[in-house]
Protein backbone atom coordinates (compact mmCIF):
# COMPACT_ATOMS: atom_id res chain seq x y z
CA MET A 1 -11.61 19.48 16.70
CA THR A 2 -13.08 17.26 13.98
CA GLU A 3 -12.31 13.60 13.48
CA PRO A 4 -10.15 12.66 10.48
CA GLU A 5 -12.00 11.32 7.45
CA VAL A 6 -9.42 8.57 6.94
CA ILE A 7 -8.29 6.06 9.57
CA ARG A 8 -5.44 3.57 9.58
CA VAL A 9 -6.19 -0.13 10.10
CA PHE A 10 -4.19 -3.31 9.61
CA VAL A 11 -5.27 -6.46 7.78
CA ASN A 12 -2.89 -9.42 8.05
CA GLY A 13 -0.12 -7.00 8.98
CA ALA A 14 -0.64 -4.68 6.02
CA GLY A 15 -1.48 -1.07 6.86
CA LEU A 16 -4.44 0.45 5.04
CA SER A 17 -5.96 3.91 5.02
CA ILE A 18 -9.76 3.64 4.85
CA HIS A 19 -12.65 6.04 5.30
CA ARG A 20 -14.08 6.46 8.79
CA GLY A 21 -17.21 4.32 9.12
CA ALA A 22 -15.84 1.51 6.96
CA THR A 23 -16.72 -2.01 8.03
CA VAL A 24 -14.51 -5.04 8.54
CA VAL A 25 -15.42 -6.45 5.13
CA ASP A 26 -14.72 -3.05 3.50
CA ALA A 27 -11.19 -3.11 4.92
CA VAL A 28 -10.59 -6.70 3.87
CA ARG A 29 -11.90 -5.96 0.37
CA ALA A 30 -9.50 -2.99 0.10
CA HIS A 31 -6.65 -5.31 1.13
CA ASP A 32 -7.59 -8.34 -1.00
CA PRO A 33 -10.91 -8.75 -2.83
CA ALA A 34 -10.48 -12.54 -3.02
CA LEU A 35 -10.22 -12.74 0.79
CA ALA A 36 -13.39 -10.68 1.10
CA ASP A 37 -15.15 -13.13 -1.22
CA ALA A 38 -13.92 -16.03 0.95
CA LEU A 39 -15.36 -14.28 4.01
CA SER A 40 -18.72 -13.92 2.28
CA ALA A 41 -18.60 -17.60 1.28
CA GLY A 42 -17.90 -18.60 4.89
CA THR A 43 -14.60 -20.36 4.21
CA ARG A 44 -12.58 -17.68 6.01
CA ALA A 45 -13.27 -15.63 9.15
CA VAL A 46 -11.88 -12.48 10.77
CA THR A 47 -10.41 -12.13 14.25
CA ASP A 48 -9.11 -9.13 16.14
CA SER A 49 -5.60 -8.81 17.54
CA ARG A 50 -6.58 -11.08 20.46
CA GLY A 51 -7.94 -13.84 18.23
CA LEU A 52 -11.58 -13.10 18.98
CA PRO A 53 -14.10 -13.31 16.10
CA VAL A 54 -15.19 -10.02 14.56
CA ALA A 55 -18.46 -9.46 12.70
CA LEU A 56 -18.07 -8.54 9.05
CA ASP A 57 -20.44 -5.59 9.39
CA ALA A 58 -18.69 -4.13 12.46
CA SER A 59 -17.47 -0.54 12.07
CA LEU A 60 -13.74 -0.08 12.51
CA ALA A 61 -11.82 2.32 14.71
CA GLY A 62 -8.39 3.68 13.87
CA GLY A 63 -5.62 1.24 14.71
CA ALA A 64 -7.80 -1.87 14.37
CA VAL A 65 -5.83 -5.06 13.76
CA LEU A 66 -7.61 -7.75 11.77
CA ARG A 67 -6.42 -11.23 10.94
CA ILE A 68 -7.97 -13.53 8.38
CA VAL A 69 -8.19 -17.14 9.54
CA SER A 70 -9.75 -20.36 8.37
CA ALA A 71 -13.40 -20.50 9.38
CA ARG A 72 -12.61 -23.98 10.73
CA ALA A 73 -10.10 -22.46 13.17
CA LEU A 74 -12.99 -20.76 14.98
CA HIS A 75 -15.11 -23.90 15.12
CA HIS A 76 -15.20 -25.51 18.56
CA PRO A 77 -16.50 -29.12 18.64
CA GLU A 78 -17.88 -28.66 22.17
CA ASN A 79 -20.39 -26.17 20.72
CA ASP A 80 -21.98 -29.00 18.72
CA ALA A 81 -23.19 -30.88 21.82
């Protein structure tokens, strides 16, 4: 059996159908190009369904849940020591 060419992912709760092999930033751009620009500028960041940071160039699997957050929300002051 072959894998489907299109997978379903979720960005900020919105379901999207994207091509297999798409990256996190590809999915965000399909959802909202302005959010993708904010990711590239570093003012926003992406987390998975557990709140863990996700790399923009990571490939997505079907059912992925992505949330766009403030880049400041992922900043931990104890990392500056």
